[in-house]
Amino acid sequence: MKQKIVIKVTLTGNKSRPKAMKIAVSQPGVESVAFQGAEKEQLVVIGDGIDSIVLITLLRKSLGYADLLTVGAPDGEKKEEKKELVIHPVSWSTIYQDVQPYYTYQERSCNYQEPSCTIM
């Protein structure tokens, strides 16, 4: 996967610019290296499978200051195309409810009298 890495570096003299480019080109997978920005302080590295942490570490060891700004896909590369959403009609099935059972209960009357004879 191609990626574009933008690194901000401090360039103290005329020798530091070729030094930064030499370090960036020495990494495996690098296809192009360029400087951009108003003061040419941003190093743009484009390539396939570049390890940005290793590149930043090497630049910090030799130049002193290097800050990773962005890592992403190159501008010229197409992004994923949006797929059309297909809406499928939903078929609703009819649901029949069962008949609710009737509950029966026995009503007790309040006038219930106990038998007068307790032995029986």
PDB file of N, CA and C in Angstrom:
ATOM      1  N   MET A   1       0.841  -1.171   0.000  1.00  0.00           N
ATOM      2  CA  MET A   1       0.000   0.000   0.000  1.00  0.00           C
ATOM      3  C   MET A   1       0.887   1.235   0.000  1.00  0.00           C
ATOM      4  N   LYS A   2       0.680   2.097  -0.971  1.00  0.00           N
ATOM      5  CA  LYS A   2       1.456   3.331  -1.033  1.00  0.00           C
ATOM      6  C   LYS A   2       1.030   4.267   0.075  1.00  0.00           C
ATOM      7  N   GLN A   3       2.006   4.984   0.592  1.00  0.00           N
ATOM      8  CA  GLN A   3       1.698   5.955   1.628  1.00  0.00           C
ATOM      9  C   GLN A   3       2.566   7.190   1.454  1.00  0.00           C
ATOM     10  N   LYS A   4       2.040   8.283   1.950  1.00  0.00           N
ATOM     11  CA  LYS A   4       2.728   9.569   1.891  1.00  0.00           C
ATOM     12  C   LYS A   4       3.003   9.999   3.324  1.00  0.00           C
ATOM     13  N   ILE A   5       4.282  10.244   3.621  1.00  0.00           N
ATOM     14  CA  ILE A   5       4.698  10.640   4.961  1.00  0.00           C
ATOM     15  C   ILE A   5       5.255  12.052   4.879  1.00  0.00           C
ATOM     16  N   VAL A   6       4.733  12.946   5.723  1.00  0.00           N
ATOM     17  CA  VAL A   6       5.218  14.323   5.783  1.00  0.00           C
ATOM     18  C   VAL A   6       5.898  14.510   7.135  1.00  0.00           C
ATOM     19  N   ILE A   7       7.176  14.940   7.084  1.00  0.00           N
ATOM     20  CA  ILE A   7       7.989  15.089   8.287  1.00  0.00           C
ATOM     21  C   ILE A   7       8.525  16.511   8.330  1.00  0.00           C
ATOM     22  N   LYS A   8       8.400  17.151   9.482  1.00  0.00           N
ATOM     23  CA  LYS A   8       8.959  18.488   9.659  1.00  0.00           C
ATOM     24  C   LYS A   8      10.349  18.337  10.265  1.00  0.00           C
ATOM     25  N   VAL A   9      11.351  18.888   9.579  1.00  0.00           N
ATOM     26  CA  VAL A   9      12.742  18.800  10.047  1.00  0.00           C
ATOM     27  C   VAL A   9      13.321  20.203  10.159  1.00  0.00           C
ATOM     28  N   THR A  10      14.302  20.355  11.034  1.00  0.00           N
ATOM     29  CA  THR A  10      15.016  21.632  11.134  1.00  0.00           C
ATOM     30  C   THR A  10      16.288  21.520  10.319  1.00  0.00           C
ATOM     31  N   LEU A  11      16.457  22.449   9.421  1.00  0.00           N
ATOM     32  CA  LEU A  11      17.634  22.463   8.556  1.00  0.00           C
ATOM     33  C   LEU A  11      18.526  23.616   8.997  1.00  0.00           C
ATOM     34  N   THR A  12      19.660  23.273   9.619  1.00  0.00           N
ATOM     35  CA  THR A  12      20.535  24.303  10.174  1.00  0.00           C
ATOM     36  C   THR A  12      21.525  24.844   9.155  1.00  0.00           C
ATOM     37  N   GLY A  13      21.875  24.067   8.191  1.00  0.00           N
ATOM     38  CA  GLY A  13      22.849  24.530   7.201  1.00  0.00           C
ATOM     39  C   GLY A  13      22.567  23.934   5.841  1.00  0.00           C
ATOM     40  N   ASN A  14      23.487  24.192   4.906  1.00  0.00           N
ATOM     41  CA  ASN A  14      23.318  23.680   3.544  1.00  0.00           C
ATOM     42  C   ASN A  14      23.554  22.175   3.466  1.00  0.00           C
ATOM     43  N   LYS A  15      24.303  21.632   4.412  1.00  0.00           N
ATOM     44  CA  LYS A  15      24.611  20.209   4.376  1.00  0.00           C
ATOM     45  C   LYS A  15      23.476  19.350   4.930  1.00  0.00           C
ATOM     46  N   SER A  16      22.598  19.929   5.691  1.00  0.00           N
ATOM     47  CA  SER A  16      21.554  19.126   6.329  1.00  0.00           C
ATOM     48  C   SER A  16      20.441  18.710   5.358  1.00  0.00           C
ATOM     49  N   ARG A  17      20.191  19.481   4.310  1.00  0.00           N
ATOM     50  CA  ARG A  17      19.152  19.125   3.338  1.00  0.00           C
ATOM     51  C   ARG A  17      19.523  17.860   2.548  1.00  0.00           C
ATOM     52  N   PRO A  18      20.723  17.778   1.956  1.00  0.00           N
ATOM     53  CA  PRO A  18      21.071  16.519   1.271  1.00  0.00           C
ATOM     54  C   PRO A  18      21.215  15.339   2.237  1.00  0.00           C
ATOM     55  N   LYS A  19      21.614  15.644   3.460  1.00  0.00           N
ATOM     56  CA  LYS A  19      21.749  14.595   4.464  1.00  0.00           C
ATOM     57  C   LYS A  19      20.383  13.977   4.777  1.00  0.00           C
ATOM     58  N   ALA A  20      19.359  14.812   4.918  1.00  0.00           N
ATOM     59  CA  ALA A  20      18.003  14.328   5.190  1.00  0.00           C
ATOM     60  C   ALA A  20      17.468  13.523   4.009  1.00  0.00           C
ATOM     61  N   MET A  21      17.723  13.988   2.801  1.00  0.00           N
ATOM     62  CA  MET A  21      17.257  13.260   1.619  1.00  0.00           C
ATOM     63  C   MET A  21      17.974  11.921   1.487  1.00  0.00           C
ATOM     64  N   LYS A  22      19.262  11.892   1.813  1.00  0.00           N
ATOM     65  CA  LYS A  22      20.044  10.660   1.720  1.00  0.00           C
ATOM     66  C   LYS A  22      19.524   9.617   2.714  1.00  0.00           C
ATOM     67  N   ILE A  23      19.177  10.069   3.911  1.00  0.00           N
ATOM     68  CA  ILE A  23      18.636   9.149   4.917  1.00  0.00           C
ATOM     69  C   ILE A  23      17.275   8.620   4.471  1.00  0.00           C
ATOM     70  N   ALA A  24      16.434   9.479   3.921  1.00  0.00           N
ATOM     71  CA  ALA A  24      15.097   9.065   3.491  1.00  0.00           C
ATOM     72  C   ALA A  24      15.160   8.088   2.321  1.00  0.00           C
ATOM     73  N   VAL A  25      16.077   8.324   1.388  1.00  0.00           N
ATOM     74  CA  VAL A  25      16.191   7.459   0.210  1.00  0.00           C
ATOM     75  C   VAL A  25      16.779   6.098   0.582  1.00  0.00           C
ATOM     76  N   SER A  26      17.561   6.045   1.657  1.00  0.00           N
ATOM     77  CA  SER A  26      18.186   4.784   2.048  1.00  0.00           C
ATOM     78  C   SER A  26      17.182   3.774   2.616  1.00  0.00           C
ATOM     79  N   GLN A  27      15.983   4.210   2.950  1.00  0.00           N
ATOM     80  CA  GLN A  27      14.972   3.307   3.499  1.00  0.00           C
ATOM     81  C   GLN A  27      14.362   2.447   2.392  1.00  0.00           C
ATOM     82  N   PRO A  28      14.065   1.175   2.689  1.00  0.00           N
ATOM     83  CA  PRO A  28      13.459   0.315   1.662  1.00  0.00           C
ATOM     84  C   PRO A  28      12.014   0.724   1.364  1.00  0.00           C
ATOM     85  N   GLY A  29      11.677   0.710   0.075  1.00  0.00           N
ATOM     86  CA  GLY A  29      10.317   1.018  -0.354  1.00  0.00           C
ATOM     87  C   GLY A  29      10.078   2.467  -0.729  1.00  0.00           C
ATOM     88  N   VAL A  30      11.079   3.338  -0.598  1.00  0.00           N
ATOM     89  CA  VAL A  30      10.902   4.762  -0.901  1.00  0.00           C
ATOM     90  C   VAL A  30      10.952   4.961  -2.410  1.00  0.00           C
ATOM     91  N   GLU A  31       9.951   5.670  -2.953  1.00  0.00           N
ATOM     92  CA  GLU A  31       9.903   5.957  -4.383  1.00  0.00           C
ATOM     93  C   GLU A  31      10.292   7.393  -4.697  1.00  0.00           C
ATOM     94  N   SER A  32       9.881   8.347  -3.850  1.00  0.00           N
ATOM     95  CA  SER A  32      10.242   9.740  -4.112  1.00  0.00           C
ATOM     96  C   SER A  32      10.374  10.491  -2.795  1.00  0.00           C
ATOM     97  N   VAL A  33      11.280  11.481  -2.813  1.00  0.00           N
ATOM     98  CA  VAL A  33      11.535  12.332  -1.653  1.00  0.00           C
ATOM     99  C   VAL A  33      11.590  13.761  -2.156  1.00  0.00           C
ATOM    100  N   ALA A  34      10.912  14.671  -1.465  1.00  0.00           N
ATOM    101  CA  ALA A  34      10.923  16.078  -1.862  1.00  0.00           C
ATOM    102  C   ALA A  34      10.704  16.946  -0.633  1.00  0.00           C
ATOM    103  N   PHE A  35      11.100  18.216  -0.771  1.00  0.00           N
ATOM    104  CA  PHE A  35      10.852  19.199   0.277  1.00  0.00           C
ATOM    105  C   PHE A  35       9.687  20.071  -0.155  1.00  0.00           C
ATOM    106  N   GLN A  36       8.840  20.429   0.796  1.00  0.00           N
ATOM    107  CA  GLN A  36       7.727  21.324   0.500  1.00  0.00           C
ATOM    108  C   GLN A  36       7.521  22.250   1.682  1.00  0.00           C
ATOM    109  N   GLY A  37       6.645  23.210   1.512  1.00  0.00           N
ATOM    110  CA  GLY A  37       6.365  24.179   2.567  1.00  0.00           C
ATOM    111  C   GLY A  37       6.935  25.535   2.200  1.00  0.00           C
ATOM    112  N   ALA A  38       6.611  26.530   3.001  1.00  0.00           N
ATOM    113  CA  ALA A  38       7.053  27.894   2.723  1.00  0.00           C
ATOM    114  C   ALA A  38       8.568  28.020   2.834  1.00  0.00           C
ATOM    115  N   GLU A  39       9.150  27.408   3.838  1.00  0.00           N
ATOM    116  CA  GLU A  39      10.596  27.496   4.039  1.00  0.00           C
ATOM    117  C   GLU A  39      11.300  26.193   3.689  1.00  0.00           C
ATOM    118  N   LYS A  40      10.630  25.319   2.985  1.00  0.00           N
ATOM    119  CA  LYS A  40      11.156  24.005   2.594  1.00  0.00           C
ATOM    120  C   LYS A  40      11.620  23.207   3.812  1.00  0.00           C
ATOM    121  N   GLU A  41      10.805  23.239   4.871  1.00  0.00           N
ATOM    122  CA  GLU A  41      11.163  22.527   6.091  1.00  0.00           C
ATOM    123  C   GLU A  41      10.415  21.201   6.231  1.00  0.00           C
ATOM    124  N   GLN A  42       9.526  20.886   5.292  1.00  0.00           N
ATOM    125  CA  GLN A  42       8.767  19.640   5.358  1.00  0.00           C
ATOM    126  C   GLN A  42       9.308  18.659   4.331  1.00  0.00           C
ATOM    127  N   LEU A  43       9.672  17.493   4.807  1.00  0.00           N
ATOM    128  CA  LEU A  43      10.192  16.432   3.955  1.00  0.00           C
ATOM    129  C   LEU A  43       9.034  15.494   3.616  1.00  0.00           C
ATOM    130  N   VAL A  44       8.752  15.328   2.322  1.00  0.00           N
ATOM    131  CA  VAL A  44       7.655  14.473   1.866  1.00  0.00           C
ATOM    132  C   VAL A  44       8.256  13.209   1.270  1.00  0.00           C
ATOM    133  N   VAL A  45       7.896  12.069   1.847  1.00  0.00           N
ATOM    134  CA  VAL A  45       8.409  10.777   1.400  1.00  0.00           C
ATOM    135  C   VAL A  45       7.221   9.951   0.929  1.00  0.00           C
ATOM    136  N   ILE A  46       7.293   9.462  -0.315  1.00  0.00           N
ATOM    137  CA  ILE A  46       6.230   8.633  -0.882  1.00  0.00           C
ATOM    138  C   ILE A  46       6.832   7.281  -1.228  1.00  0.00           C
ATOM    139  N   GLY A  47       6.142   6.218  -0.818  1.00  0.00           N
ATOM    140  CA  GLY A  47       6.644   4.887  -1.108  1.00  0.00           C
ATOM    141  C   GLY A  47       5.688   3.813  -0.639  1.00  0.00           C
ATOM    142  N   ASP A  48       6.164   2.589  -0.764  1.00  0.00           N
ATOM    143  CA  ASP A  48       5.342   1.434  -0.431  1.00  0.00           C
ATOM    144  C   ASP A  48       5.971   0.699   0.747  1.00  0.00           C
ATOM    145  N   GLY A  49       5.245   0.609   1.859  1.00  0.00           N
ATOM    146  CA  GLY A  49       5.714  -0.135   3.024  1.00  0.00           C
ATOM    147  C   GLY A  49       6.849   0.536   3.772  1.00  0.00           C
ATOM    148  N   ILE A  50       6.810   1.846   3.889  1.00  0.00           N
ATOM    149  CA  ILE A  50       7.858   2.579   4.601  1.00  0.00           C
ATOM    150  C   ILE A  50       7.538   2.556   6.094  1.00  0.00           C
ATOM    151  N   ASP A  51       8.561   2.276   6.911  1.00  0.00           N
ATOM    152  CA  ASP A  51       8.384   2.322   8.362  1.00  0.00           C
ATOM    153  C   ASP A  51       8.683   3.742   8.823  1.00  0.00           C
ATOM    154  N   SER A  52       7.630   4.460   9.198  1.00  0.00           N
ATOM    155  CA  SER A  52       7.784   5.874   9.548  1.00  0.00           C
ATOM    156  C   SER A  52       8.550   6.059  10.852  1.00  0.00           C
ATOM    157  N   ILE A  53       8.443   5.140  11.786  1.00  0.00           N
ATOM    158  CA  ILE A  53       9.136   5.261  13.067  1.00  0.00           C
ATOM    159  C   ILE A  53      10.646   5.137  12.877  1.00  0.00           C
ATOM    160  N   VAL A  54      11.067   4.190  12.054  1.00  0.00           N
ATOM    161  CA  VAL A  54      12.500   4.024  11.791  1.00  0.00           C
ATOM    162  C   VAL A  54      13.046   5.250  11.077  1.00  0.00           C
ATOM    163  N   LEU A  55      12.297   5.769  10.123  1.00  0.00           N
ATOM    164  CA  LEU A  55      12.727   6.958   9.379  1.00  0.00           C
ATOM    165  C   LEU A  55      12.852   8.168  10.297  1.00  0.00           C
ATOM    166  N   ILE A  56      11.889   8.378  11.172  1.00  0.00           N
ATOM    167  CA  ILE A  56      11.938   9.498  12.119  1.00  0.00           C
ATOM    168  C   ILE A  56      13.126   9.350  13.066  1.00  0.00           C
ATOM    169  N   THR A  57      13.366   8.130  13.543  1.00  0.00           N
ATOM    170  CA  THR A  57      14.478   7.892  14.470  1.00  0.00           C
ATOM    171  C   THR A  57      15.816   8.200  13.812  1.00  0.00           C
ATOM    172  N   LEU A  58      15.993   7.780  12.566  1.00  0.00           N
ATOM    173  CA  LEU A  58      17.253   8.056  11.860  1.00  0.00           C
ATOM    174  C   LEU A  58      17.434   9.552  11.605  1.00  0.00           C
ATOM    175  N   LEU A  59      16.348  10.240  11.258  1.00  0.00           N
ATOM    176  CA  LEU A  59      16.445  11.683  11.032  1.00  0.00           C
ATOM    177  C   LEU A  59      16.752  12.425  12.329  1.00  0.00           C
ATOM    178  N   ARG A  60      16.194  11.976  13.436  1.00  0.00           N
ATOM    179  CA  ARG A  60      16.476  12.625  14.722  1.00  0.00           C
ATOM    180  C   ARG A  60      17.916  12.409  15.158  1.00  0.00           C
ATOM    181  N   LYS A  61      18.462  11.235  14.864  1.00  0.00           N
ATOM    182  CA  LYS A  61      19.850  10.961  15.243  1.00  0.00           C
ATOM    183  C   LYS A  61      20.826  11.838  14.473  1.00  0.00           C
ATOM    184  N   SER A  62      20.543  12.078  13.199  1.00  0.00           N
ATOM    185  CA  SER A  62      21.509  12.827  12.391  1.00  0.00           C
ATOM    186  C   SER A  62      21.224  14.329  12.345  1.00  0.00           C
ATOM    187  N   LEU A  63      19.943  14.744  12.357  1.00  0.00           N
ATOM    188  CA  LEU A  63      19.618  16.165  12.226  1.00  0.00           C
ATOM    189  C   LEU A  63      19.250  16.828  13.556  1.00  0.00           C
ATOM    190  N   GLY A  64      18.816  16.075  14.506  1.00  0.00           N
ATOM    191  CA  GLY A  64      18.482  16.650  15.802  1.00  0.00           C
ATOM    192  C   GLY A  64      16.992  16.748  16.047  1.00  0.00           C
ATOM    193  N   TYR A  65      16.225  17.306  15.138  1.00  0.00           N
ATOM    194  CA  TYR A  65      14.787  17.481  15.347  1.00  0.00           C
ATOM    195  C   TYR A  65      14.039  17.008  14.111  1.00  0.00           C
ATOM    196  N   ALA A  66      13.073  16.131  14.327  1.00  0.00           N
ATOM    197  CA  ALA A  66      12.194  15.669  13.251  1.00  0.00           C
ATOM    198  C   ALA A  66      10.842  15.350  13.876  1.00  0.00           C
ATOM    199  N   ASP A  67       9.796  15.881  13.266  1.00  0.00           N
ATOM    200  CA  ASP A  67       8.446  15.713  13.805  1.00  0.00           C
ATOM    201  C   ASP A  67       7.552  15.140  12.711  1.00  0.00           C
ATOM    202  N   LEU A  68       6.867  14.045  13.014  1.00  0.00           N
ATOM    203  CA  LEU A  68       5.976  13.405  12.057  1.00  0.00           C
ATOM    204  C   LEU A  68       4.666  14.183  11.995  1.00  0.00           C
ATOM    205  N   LEU A  69       4.340  14.731  10.816  1.00  0.00           N
ATOM    206  CA  LEU A  69       3.114  15.519  10.660  1.00  0.00           C
ATOM    207  C   LEU A  69       1.938  14.657  10.208  1.00  0.00           C
ATOM    208  N   THR A  70       2.086  13.973   9.079  1.00  0.00           N
ATOM    209  CA  THR A  70       0.984  13.145   8.571  1.00  0.00           C
ATOM    210  C   THR A  70       1.506  11.867   7.940  1.00  0.00           C
ATOM    211  N   VAL A  71       0.677  10.848   8.003  1.00  0.00           N
ATOM    212  CA  VAL A  71       0.900   9.593   7.292  1.00  0.00           C
ATOM    213  C   VAL A  71      -0.429   9.239   6.649  1.00  0.00           C
ATOM    214  N   GLY A  72      -0.428   9.068   5.333  1.00  0.00           N
ATOM    215  CA  GLY A  72      -1.686   8.760   4.656  1.00  0.00           C
ATOM    216  C   GLY A  72      -1.452   8.351   3.220  1.00  0.00           C
ATOM    217  N   ALA A  73      -2.539   8.232   2.491  1.00  0.00           N
ATOM    218  CA  ALA A  73      -2.480   7.863   1.085  1.00  0.00           C
ATOM    219  C   ALA A  73      -2.031   9.067   0.262  1.00  0.00           C
ATOM    220  N   PRO A  74      -1.292   8.835  -0.820  1.00  0.00           N
ATOM    221  CA  PRO A  74      -0.898   9.951  -1.685  1.00  0.00           C
ATOM    222  C   PRO A  74      -2.113  10.643  -2.289  1.00  0.00           C
ATOM    223  N   ASP A  75      -1.961  11.914  -2.654  1.00  0.00           N
ATOM    224  CA  ASP A  75      -3.077  12.707  -3.167  1.00  0.00           C
ATOM    225  C   ASP A  75      -3.591  12.193  -4.505  1.00  0.00           C
ATOM    226  N   GLY A  76      -2.720  11.723  -5.378  1.00  0.00           N
ATOM    227  CA  GLY A  76      -3.116  11.291  -6.710  1.00  0.00           C
ATOM    228  C   GLY A  76      -3.838   9.958  -6.728  1.00  0.00           C
ATOM    229  N   GLU A  77      -3.781   9.221  -5.652  1.00  0.00           N
ATOM    230  CA  GLU A  77      -4.391   7.903  -5.619  1.00  0.00           C
ATOM    231  C   GLU A  77      -5.889   8.009  -5.343  1.00  0.00           C
ATOM    232  N   LYS A  78      -6.666   7.178  -6.002  1.00  0.00           N
ATOM    233  CA  LYS A  78      -8.115   7.196  -5.815  1.00  0.00           C
ATOM    234  C   LYS A  78      -8.463   6.619  -4.454  1.00  0.00           C
ATOM    235  N   LYS A  79      -9.453   7.201  -3.852  1.00  0.00           N
ATOM    236  CA  LYS A  79      -9.978   6.642  -2.614  1.00  0.00           C
ATOM    237  C   LYS A  79     -11.067   5.649  -2.983  1.00  0.00           C
ATOM    238  N   GLU A  80     -11.515   4.921  -2.009  1.00  0.00           N
ATOM    239  CA  GLU A  80     -12.535   3.915  -2.268  1.00  0.00           C
ATOM    240  C   GLU A  80     -13.807   4.570  -2.801  1.00  0.00           C
ATOM    241  N   GLU A  81     -14.338   3.960  -3.835  1.00  0.00           N
ATOM    242  CA  GLU A  81     -15.571   4.485  -4.407  1.00  0.00           C
ATOM    243  C   GLU A  81     -16.748   4.045  -3.549  1.00  0.00           C
ATOM    244  N   LYS A  82     -17.717   4.924  -3.454  1.00  0.00           N
ATOM    245  CA  LYS A  82     -18.902   4.585  -2.676  1.00  0.00           C
ATOM    246  C   LYS A  82     -19.782   3.660  -3.502  1.00  0.00           C
ATOM    247  N   LYS A  83     -20.225   2.620  -2.876  1.00  0.00           N
ATOM    248  CA  LYS A  83     -21.105   1.678  -3.553  1.00  0.00           C
ATOM    249  C   LYS A  83     -22.544   2.128  -3.361  1.00  0.00           C
ATOM    250  N   GLU A  84     -23.346   1.850  -4.373  1.00  0.00           N
ATOM    251  CA  GLU A  84     -24.756   2.209  -4.285  1.00  0.00           C
ATOM    252  C   GLU A  84     -25.452   1.310  -3.274  1.00  0.00           C
ATOM    253  N   LEU A  85     -26.296   1.907  -2.507  1.00  0.00           N
ATOM    254  CA  LEU A  85     -27.072   1.132  -1.552  1.00  0.00           C
ATOM    255  C   LEU A  85     -28.295   0.571  -2.256  1.00  0.00           C
ATOM    256  N   VAL A  86     -28.462  -0.705  -2.172  1.00  0.00           N
ATOM    257  CA  VAL A  86     -29.605  -1.365  -2.784  1.00  0.00           C
ATOM    258  C   VAL A  86     -30.609  -1.646  -1.679  1.00  0.00           C
ATOM    259  N   ILE A  87     -31.808  -1.146  -1.861  1.00  0.00           N
ATOM    260  CA  ILE A  87     -32.853  -1.343  -0.867  1.00  0.00           C
ATOM    261  C   ILE A  87     -33.730  -2.497  -1.327  1.00  0.00           C
ATOM    262  N   HIS A  88     -33.737  -3.539  -0.539  1.00  0.00           N
ATOM    263  CA  HIS A  88     -34.541  -4.701  -0.857  1.00  0.00           C
ATOM    264  C   HIS A  88     -35.898  -4.564  -0.172  1.00  0.00           C
ATOM    265  N   PRO A  89     -36.975  -4.893  -0.890  1.00  0.00           N
ATOM    266  CA  PRO A  89     -38.293  -4.807  -0.242  1.00  0.00           C
ATOM    267  C   PRO A  89     -38.422  -5.881   0.837  1.00  0.00           C
ATOM    268  N   VAL A  90     -39.068  -5.515   1.894  1.00  0.00           N
ATOM    269  CA  VAL A  90     -39.251  -6.428   3.015  1.00  0.00           C
ATOM    270  C   VAL A  90     -40.606  -7.096   2.880  1.00  0.00           C
ATOM    271  N   SER A  91     -40.612  -8.402   2.943  1.00  0.00           N
ATOM    272  CA  SER A  91     -41.890  -9.118   2.879  1.00  0.00           C
ATOM    273  C   SER A  91     -42.311  -9.442   4.307  1.00  0.00           C
ATOM    274  N   TRP A  92     -43.449  -8.900   4.672  1.00  0.00           N
ATOM    275  CA  TRP A  92     -43.962  -9.106   6.019  1.00  0.00           C
ATOM    276  C   TRP A  92     -44.878 -10.317   6.003  1.00  0.00           C
ATOM    277  N   SER A  93     -44.660 -11.217   6.900  1.00  0.00           N
ATOM    278  CA  SER A  93     -45.544 -12.373   7.003  1.00  0.00           C
ATOM    279  C   SER A  93     -46.641 -12.053   8.010  1.00  0.00           C
ATOM    280  N   THR A  94     -47.819 -12.610   7.742  1.00  0.00           N
ATOM    281  CA  THR A  94     -48.928 -12.341   8.652  1.00  0.00           C
ATOM    282  C   THR A  94     -48.802 -13.241   9.871  1.00  0.00           C
ATOM    283  N   ILE A  95     -49.112 -12.705  11.000  1.00  0.00           N
ATOM    284  CA  ILE A  95     -49.018 -13.446  12.248  1.00  0.00           C
ATOM    285  C   ILE A  95     -50.425 -13.580  12.814  1.00  0.00           C
ATOM    286  N   TYR A  96     -50.830 -14.808  13.054  1.00  0.00           N
ATOM    287  CA  TYR A  96     -52.143 -15.066  13.626  1.00  0.00           C
ATOM    288  C   TYR A  96     -51.972 -15.310  15.111  1.00  0.00           C
ATOM    289  N   GLN A  97     -52.763 -14.618  15.888  1.00  0.00           N
ATOM    290  CA  GLN A  97     -52.692 -14.820  17.323  1.00  0.00           C
ATOM    291  C   GLN A  97     -53.657 -15.914  17.733  1.00  0.00           C
ATOM    292  N   ASP A  98     -53.247 -16.678  18.725  1.00  0.00           N
ATOM    293  CA  ASP A  98     -54.119 -17.722  19.246  1.00  0.00           C
ATOM    294  C   ASP A  98     -55.243 -17.086  20.050  1.00  0.00           C
ATOM    295  N   VAL A  99     -56.328 -17.833  20.158  1.00  0.00           N
ATOM    296  CA  VAL A  99     -57.462 -17.375  20.950  1.00  0.00           C
ATOM    297  C   VAL A  99     -57.089 -17.507  22.418  1.00  0.00           C
ATOM    298  N   GLN A 100     -57.351 -16.472  23.155  1.00  0.00           N
ATOM    299  CA  GLN A 100     -57.023 -16.489  24.572  1.00  0.00           C
ATOM    300  C   GLN A 100     -57.988 -17.403  25.315  1.00  0.00           C
ATOM    301  N   PRO A 101     -57.488 -18.242  26.194  1.00  0.00           N
ATOM    302  CA  PRO A 101     -58.392 -19.138  26.931  1.00  0.00           C
ATOM    303  C   PRO A 101     -59.189 -18.364  27.972  1.00  0.00           C
ATOM    304  N   TYR A 102     -60.400 -18.871  28.222  1.00  0.00           N
ATOM    305  CA  TYR A 102     -61.249 -18.266  29.240  1.00  0.00           C
ATOM    306  C   TYR A 102     -60.964 -18.948  30.565  1.00  0.00           C
ATOM    307  N   TYR A 103     -60.812 -18.166  31.564  1.00  0.00           N
ATOM    308  CA  TYR A 103     -60.565 -18.707  32.885  1.00  0.00           C
ATOM    309  C   TYR A 103     -61.896 -18.786  33.632  1.00  0.00           C
ATOM    310  N   THR A 104     -62.115 -19.906  34.227  1.00  0.00           N
ATOM    311  CA  THR A 104     -63.339 -20.085  35.007  1.00  0.00           C
ATOM    312  C   THR A 104     -62.986 -20.096  36.485  1.00  0.00           C
ATOM    313  N   TYR A 105     -63.846 -19.531  37.235  1.00  0.00           N
ATOM    314  CA  TYR A 105     -63.638 -19.541  38.681  1.00  0.00           C
ATOM    315  C   TYR A 105     -64.995 -19.701  39.340  1.00  0.00           C
ATOM    316  N   GLN A 106     -64.952 -20.216  40.538  1.00  0.00           N
ATOM    317  CA  GLN A 106     -66.184 -20.483  41.270  1.00  0.00           C
ATOM    318  C   GLN A 106     -66.421 -19.345  42.240  1.00  0.00           C
ATOM    319  N   GLU A 107     -67.572 -18.801  42.146  1.00  0.00           N
ATOM    320  CA  GLU A 107     -67.898 -17.680  43.015  1.00  0.00           C
ATOM    321  C   GLU A 107     -68.495 -18.210  44.304  1.00  0.00           C
ATOM    322  N   ARG A 108     -67.995 -17.751  45.389  1.00  0.00           N
ATOM    323  CA  ARG A 108     -68.518 -18.165  46.681  1.00  0.00           C
ATOM    324  C   ARG A 108     -69.449 -17.079  47.182  1.00  0.00           C
ATOM    325  N   SER A 109     -70.531 -17.521  47.664  1.00  0.00           N
ATOM    326  CA  SER A 109     -71.495 -16.534  48.153  1.00  0.00           C
ATOM    327  C   SER A 109     -71.184 -16.171  49.593  1.00  0.00           C
ATOM    328  N   CYS A 110     -71.593 -15.044  49.980  1.00  0.00           N
ATOM    329  CA  CYS A 110     -71.360 -14.561  51.334  1.00  0.00           C
ATOM    330  C   CYS A 110     -72.351 -15.176  52.324  1.00  0.00           C
ATOM    331  N   ASN A 111     -73.401 -15.738  51.841  1.00  0.00           N
ATOM    332  CA  ASN A 111     -74.448 -16.277  52.705  1.00  0.00           C
ATOM    333  C   ASN A 111     -74.192 -17.729  53.092  1.00  0.00           C
ATOM    334  N   TYR A 112     -73.047 -18.207  52.895  1.00  0.00           N
ATOM    335  CA  TYR A 112     -72.744 -19.598  53.189  1.00  0.00           C
ATOM    336  C   TYR A 112     -72.797 -19.809  54.695  1.00  0.00           C
ATOM    337  N   GLN A 113     -73.552 -20.813  55.121  1.00  0.00           N
ATOM    338  CA  GLN A 113     -73.695 -21.116  56.547  1.00  0.00           C
ATOM    339  C   GLN A 113     -73.106 -22.485  56.827  1.00  0.00           C
ATOM    340  N   GLU A 114     -72.444 -22.561  57.910  1.00  0.00           N
ATOM    341  CA  GLU A 114     -71.877 -23.840  58.296  1.00  0.00           C
ATOM    342  C   GLU A 114     -72.968 -24.697  58.927  1.00  0.00           C
ATOM    343  N   PRO A 115     -72.838 -25.989  58.821  1.00  0.00           N
ATOM    344  CA  PRO A 115     -73.849 -26.839  59.452  1.00  0.00           C
ATOM    345  C   PRO A 115     -73.812 -26.681  60.971  1.00  0.00           C
ATOM    346  N   SER A 116     -74.951 -26.777  61.563  1.00  0.00           N
ATOM    347  CA  SER A 116     -75.036 -26.589  63.010  1.00  0.00           C
ATOM    348  C   SER A 116     -74.459 -27.768  63.774  1.00  0.00           C
ATOM    349  N   CYS A 117     -74.448 -28.913  63.184  1.00  0.00           N
ATOM    350  CA  CYS A 117     -73.905 -30.089  63.850  1.00  0.00           C
ATOM    351  C   CYS A 117     -72.456 -30.238  63.428  1.00  0.00           C
ATOM    352  N   THR A 118     -71.557 -30.197  64.348  1.00  0.00           N
ATOM    353  CA  THR A 118     -70.141 -30.259  64.028  1.00  0.00           C
ATOM    354  C   THR A 118     -69.632 -31.674  63.888  1.00  0.00           C
ATOM    355  N   ILE A 119     -70.395 -32.643  64.342  1.00  0.00           N
ATOM    356  CA  ILE A 119     -69.956 -34.024  64.274  1.00  0.00           C
ATOM    357  C   ILE A 119     -70.136 -34.554  62.860  1.00  0.00           C
ATOM    358  N   MET A 120     -71.124 -34.163  62.236  1.00  0.00           N
ATOM    359  CA  MET A 120     -71.399 -34.688  60.914  1.00  0.00           C
ATOM    360  C   MET A 120     -70.467 -34.130  59.961  1.00  0.00           C
TER     361      MET A 120
END
